[in-house]
Amino acid sequence: MKQLIAAIPLVVLAACQAPTPGRAQNPSQTQTEDQCGAKSHQSLVGTKDKALDKSTLPKSARVIYPDSVVTMDFSAERLNIHVGKDGKISRVTCG
């Protein structure tokens, strides 16, 4: 019984450990993965959304405009193209 009581603080301290920097909370969402091809589409950032040729994008791609309603489910294969209020592409991500 004394050993069990002595081990409780160790378990509590282990549960309070901060996550390792650079490591994603969800292993399926690691930053090193690029299943949707976002890295190869980074050249779109800064261009006008009107210049976007949607035929060159994957079928699962979606263009997200300000105040758009989108699902919050994560899909590593889906390419997200975010457009800012100025009409320019602000970022390209997977999800």
N, C-alpha and C. Protein backbone atom coordinates (compact mmCIF):
# COMPACT_ATOMS: atom_id res chain seq x y z
N MET A 1 0.82 -1.19 0.00
CA MET A 1 0.00 0.00 0.00
C MET A 1 0.87 1.25 0.00
N LYS A 2 1.97 1.23 0.78
CA LYS A 2 2.87 2.38 0.82
C LYS A 2 3.50 2.63 -0.55
N GLN A 3 3.79 1.56 -1.29
CA GLN A 3 4.37 1.72 -2.62
C GLN A 3 3.39 2.38 -3.58
N LEU A 4 2.12 2.05 -3.45
CA LEU A 4 1.10 2.64 -4.30
C LEU A 4 0.97 4.14 -4.01
N ILE A 5 0.98 4.51 -2.78
CA ILE A 5 0.88 5.92 -2.40
C ILE A 5 2.12 6.68 -2.85
N ALA A 6 3.27 6.06 -2.80
CA ALA A 6 4.51 6.70 -3.23
C ALA A 6 4.54 6.89 -4.75
N ALA A 7 3.85 6.05 -5.50
CA ALA A 7 3.86 6.14 -6.95
C ALA A 7 2.88 7.16 -7.49
N ILE A 8 1.89 7.55 -6.72
CA ILE A 8 0.86 8.49 -7.18
C ILE A 8 1.46 9.83 -7.62
N PRO A 9 2.37 10.46 -6.89
CA PRO A 9 2.93 11.73 -7.37
C PRO A 9 3.65 11.59 -8.72
N LEU A 10 4.28 10.46 -8.98
CA LEU A 10 4.97 10.25 -10.24
C LEU A 10 3.97 10.19 -11.40
N VAL A 11 2.85 9.54 -11.18
CA VAL A 11 1.83 9.44 -12.22
C VAL A 11 1.23 10.81 -12.49
N VAL A 12 0.99 11.57 -11.44
CA VAL A 12 0.42 12.92 -11.59
C VAL A 12 1.39 13.81 -12.35
N LEU A 13 2.66 13.76 -12.02
CA LEU A 13 3.66 14.57 -12.72
C LEU A 13 3.79 14.17 -14.18
N ALA A 14 3.70 12.91 -14.48
CA ALA A 14 3.80 12.45 -15.86
C ALA A 14 2.60 12.93 -16.68
N ALA A 15 1.44 12.99 -16.06
CA ALA A 15 0.24 13.47 -16.75
C ALA A 15 0.30 14.96 -17.05
N CYS A 16 1.06 15.69 -16.27
CA CYS A 16 1.17 17.14 -16.44
C CYS A 16 2.30 17.55 -17.38
N GLN A 17 3.00 16.60 -17.93
CA GLN A 17 4.13 16.90 -18.79
C GLN A 17 3.67 17.64 -20.05
N ALA A 18 4.38 18.71 -20.39
CA ALA A 18 4.06 19.50 -21.59
C ALA A 18 4.39 18.71 -22.84
N PRO A 19 3.63 18.92 -23.94
CA PRO A 19 3.94 18.21 -25.17
C PRO A 19 5.28 18.64 -25.74
N THR A 20 5.91 17.74 -26.46
CA THR A 20 7.20 18.02 -27.07
C THR A 20 7.03 19.05 -28.18
N PRO A 21 7.83 20.15 -28.19
CA PRO A 21 7.70 21.14 -29.25
C PRO A 21 7.91 20.53 -30.63
N GLY A 22 7.11 20.98 -31.61
CA GLY A 22 7.24 20.51 -32.97
C GLY A 22 6.52 19.19 -33.23
N ARG A 23 5.93 18.65 -32.20
CA ARG A 23 5.22 17.38 -32.37
C ARG A 23 3.72 17.65 -32.30
N ALA A 24 3.00 17.20 -33.27
CA ALA A 24 1.57 17.43 -33.33
C ALA A 24 0.86 16.63 -32.24
N GLN A 25 -0.26 17.16 -31.77
CA GLN A 25 -1.05 16.47 -30.76
C GLN A 25 -1.62 15.17 -31.30
N ASN A 26 -2.06 15.17 -32.53
CA ASN A 26 -2.64 14.01 -33.16
C ASN A 26 -1.61 13.43 -34.14
N PRO A 27 -1.16 12.21 -33.93
CA PRO A 27 -0.13 11.65 -34.82
C PRO A 27 -0.53 11.63 -36.28
N SER A 28 -1.82 11.57 -36.60
CA SER A 28 -2.25 11.54 -37.99
C SER A 28 -2.15 12.91 -38.64
N GLN A 29 -1.88 13.95 -37.85
CA GLN A 29 -1.81 15.31 -38.37
C GLN A 29 -0.40 15.89 -38.26
N THR A 30 0.61 15.06 -38.40
CA THR A 30 1.97 15.56 -38.26
C THR A 30 2.29 16.57 -39.34
N GLN A 31 3.10 17.54 -38.98
CA GLN A 31 3.43 18.62 -39.90
C GLN A 31 4.35 18.16 -41.01
N THR A 32 5.05 17.06 -40.82
CA THR A 32 5.98 16.60 -41.83
C THR A 32 5.26 15.92 -43.00
N GLU A 33 4.02 15.50 -42.78
CA GLU A 33 3.28 14.85 -43.85
C GLU A 33 2.69 15.88 -44.78
N ASP A 34 2.63 15.56 -46.05
CA ASP A 34 2.04 16.45 -47.05
C ASP A 34 1.23 15.59 -48.02
N GLN A 35 0.25 14.90 -47.49
CA GLN A 35 -0.53 13.96 -48.28
C GLN A 35 -1.38 14.65 -49.33
N CYS A 36 -1.72 15.93 -49.13
CA CYS A 36 -2.60 16.61 -50.08
C CYS A 36 -1.83 17.39 -51.14
N GLY A 37 -0.52 17.53 -50.99
CA GLY A 37 0.29 18.26 -51.96
C GLY A 37 0.34 19.76 -51.72
N ALA A 38 0.10 20.19 -50.49
CA ALA A 38 0.09 21.63 -50.18
C ALA A 38 1.44 22.29 -50.47
N LYS A 39 2.52 21.58 -50.24
CA LYS A 39 3.84 22.17 -50.48
C LYS A 39 4.04 22.52 -51.95
N SER A 40 3.52 21.70 -52.83
CA SER A 40 3.70 21.96 -54.25
C SER A 40 2.77 23.07 -54.76
N HIS A 41 1.83 23.51 -53.94
CA HIS A 41 0.91 24.58 -54.33
C HIS A 41 1.18 25.90 -53.59
N GLN A 42 2.28 25.99 -52.86
CA GLN A 42 2.60 27.21 -52.11
C GLN A 42 2.83 28.42 -53.02
N SER A 43 3.12 28.18 -54.28
CA SER A 43 3.33 29.29 -55.22
C SER A 43 2.03 30.07 -55.45
N LEU A 44 0.91 29.49 -55.07
CA LEU A 44 -0.38 30.19 -55.23
C LEU A 44 -0.55 31.32 -54.22
N VAL A 45 0.15 31.24 -53.11
CA VAL A 45 0.00 32.26 -52.06
C VAL A 45 0.39 33.62 -52.61
N GLY A 46 -0.53 34.59 -52.43
CA GLY A 46 -0.30 35.95 -52.91
C GLY A 46 -0.94 36.24 -54.25
N THR A 47 -1.40 35.19 -54.95
CA THR A 47 -2.05 35.42 -56.24
C THR A 47 -3.54 35.65 -56.05
N LYS A 48 -4.17 36.27 -57.01
CA LYS A 48 -5.61 36.53 -56.96
C LYS A 48 -6.37 35.21 -57.15
N ASP A 49 -7.48 35.09 -56.47
CA ASP A 49 -8.26 33.86 -56.59
C ASP A 49 -8.85 33.71 -57.99
N LYS A 50 -9.04 34.79 -58.69
CA LYS A 50 -9.58 34.72 -60.06
C LYS A 50 -8.60 34.04 -61.01
N ALA A 51 -7.31 34.08 -60.69
CA ALA A 51 -6.29 33.47 -61.54
C ALA A 51 -6.13 31.98 -61.26
N LEU A 52 -6.86 31.47 -60.28
CA LEU A 52 -6.75 30.08 -59.88
C LEU A 52 -7.40 29.17 -60.92
N ASP A 53 -6.63 28.24 -61.47
CA ASP A 53 -7.15 27.27 -62.44
C ASP A 53 -7.55 26.02 -61.67
N LYS A 54 -8.83 25.89 -61.39
CA LYS A 54 -9.32 24.79 -60.57
C LYS A 54 -9.14 23.43 -61.23
N SER A 55 -8.96 23.41 -62.54
CA SER A 55 -8.76 22.13 -63.22
C SER A 55 -7.41 21.51 -62.91
N THR A 56 -6.47 22.30 -62.38
CA THR A 56 -5.14 21.78 -62.03
C THR A 56 -5.08 21.30 -60.59
N LEU A 57 -6.17 21.47 -59.85
CA LEU A 57 -6.20 21.09 -58.44
C LEU A 57 -6.74 19.67 -58.28
N PRO A 58 -6.38 19.02 -57.18
CA PRO A 58 -6.95 17.68 -56.92
C PRO A 58 -8.47 17.76 -56.77
N LYS A 59 -9.14 16.65 -57.00
CA LYS A 59 -10.61 16.62 -56.90
C LYS A 59 -11.09 16.99 -55.50
N SER A 60 -10.30 16.66 -54.49
CA SER A 60 -10.71 16.90 -53.11
C SER A 60 -10.38 18.31 -52.63
N ALA A 61 -9.84 19.15 -53.49
CA ALA A 61 -9.46 20.51 -53.09
C ALA A 61 -10.70 21.37 -52.85
N ARG A 62 -10.58 22.31 -51.93
CA ARG A 62 -11.65 23.28 -51.71
C ARG A 62 -11.05 24.67 -51.53
N VAL A 63 -11.73 25.65 -52.09
CA VAL A 63 -11.31 27.04 -51.96
C VAL A 63 -12.19 27.65 -50.89
N ILE A 64 -11.55 28.20 -49.86
CA ILE A 64 -12.28 28.73 -48.71
C ILE A 64 -12.18 30.25 -48.70
N TYR A 65 -13.33 30.88 -48.86
CA TYR A 65 -13.40 32.34 -48.86
C TYR A 65 -13.76 32.84 -47.46
N PRO A 66 -13.50 34.13 -47.17
CA PRO A 66 -13.86 34.66 -45.86
C PRO A 66 -15.35 34.44 -45.59
N ASP A 67 -15.67 34.08 -44.38
CA ASP A 67 -17.04 33.83 -43.92
C ASP A 67 -17.68 32.63 -44.61
N SER A 68 -16.88 31.78 -45.26
CA SER A 68 -17.42 30.55 -45.84
C SER A 68 -17.74 29.56 -44.73
N VAL A 69 -18.75 28.76 -44.97
CA VAL A 69 -19.09 27.69 -44.05
C VAL A 69 -18.44 26.42 -44.59
N VAL A 70 -17.57 25.82 -43.78
CA VAL A 70 -16.89 24.59 -44.18
C VAL A 70 -16.98 23.58 -43.04
N THR A 71 -16.88 22.32 -43.40
CA THR A 71 -16.86 21.28 -42.37
C THR A 71 -15.53 21.34 -41.63
N MET A 72 -15.53 20.96 -40.38
CA MET A 72 -14.33 21.02 -39.56
C MET A 72 -13.64 19.66 -39.46
N ASP A 73 -14.13 18.67 -40.19
CA ASP A 73 -13.49 17.36 -40.15
C ASP A 73 -12.13 17.45 -40.83
N PHE A 74 -11.18 16.70 -40.31
CA PHE A 74 -9.83 16.73 -40.87
C PHE A 74 -9.66 15.60 -41.86
N SER A 75 -9.20 15.93 -43.05
CA SER A 75 -8.88 14.94 -44.07
C SER A 75 -7.49 15.27 -44.61
N ALA A 76 -6.52 14.44 -44.31
CA ALA A 76 -5.13 14.69 -44.70
C ALA A 76 -4.96 14.79 -46.21
N GLU A 77 -5.87 14.18 -46.97
CA GLU A 77 -5.77 14.19 -48.43
C GLU A 77 -6.40 15.43 -49.06
N ARG A 78 -7.14 16.23 -48.28
CA ARG A 78 -7.86 17.38 -48.84
C ARG A 78 -6.97 18.63 -48.84
N LEU A 79 -6.93 19.30 -49.99
CA LEU A 79 -6.17 20.54 -50.14
C LEU A 79 -7.10 21.72 -49.86
N ASN A 80 -6.72 22.58 -48.92
CA ASN A 80 -7.49 23.77 -48.59
C ASN A 80 -6.76 25.00 -49.11
N ILE A 81 -7.45 25.80 -49.88
CA ILE A 81 -6.89 27.05 -50.39
C ILE A 81 -7.68 28.18 -49.75
N HIS A 82 -7.02 28.93 -48.88
CA HIS A 82 -7.67 30.00 -48.13
C HIS A 82 -7.50 31.33 -48.86
N VAL A 83 -8.61 32.02 -49.08
CA VAL A 83 -8.60 33.31 -49.76
C VAL A 83 -8.91 34.39 -48.73
N GLY A 84 -8.11 35.46 -48.71
CA GLY A 84 -8.32 36.56 -47.78
C GLY A 84 -9.39 37.51 -48.29
N LYS A 85 -9.73 38.49 -47.46
CA LYS A 85 -10.74 39.48 -47.82
C LYS A 85 -10.32 40.33 -49.02
N ASP A 86 -9.02 40.39 -49.27
CA ASP A 86 -8.52 41.16 -50.41
C ASP A 86 -8.60 40.39 -51.73
N GLY A 87 -9.10 39.15 -51.68
CA GLY A 87 -9.24 38.35 -52.89
C GLY A 87 -7.98 37.60 -53.28
N LYS A 88 -6.96 37.65 -52.43
CA LYS A 88 -5.71 36.94 -52.70
C LYS A 88 -5.62 35.68 -51.84
N ILE A 89 -4.97 34.68 -52.37
CA ILE A 89 -4.78 33.44 -51.63
C ILE A 89 -3.79 33.71 -50.50
N SER A 90 -4.24 33.43 -49.28
CA SER A 90 -3.41 33.75 -48.09
C SER A 90 -2.61 32.56 -47.60
N ARG A 91 -3.14 31.34 -47.79
CA ARG A 91 -2.40 30.14 -47.37
C ARG A 91 -2.98 28.91 -48.04
N VAL A 92 -2.16 27.88 -48.10
CA VAL A 92 -2.54 26.60 -48.68
C VAL A 92 -2.17 25.53 -47.67
N THR A 93 -3.15 24.73 -47.25
CA THR A 93 -2.93 23.73 -46.21
C THR A 93 -3.61 22.43 -46.56
N CYS A 94 -3.25 21.40 -45.81
CA CYS A 94 -3.97 20.13 -45.88
C CYS A 94 -5.02 20.13 -44.79
N GLY A 95 -6.08 19.40 -44.99
CA GLY A 95 -7.07 19.29 -43.94
C GLY A 95 -8.42 19.17 -44.48
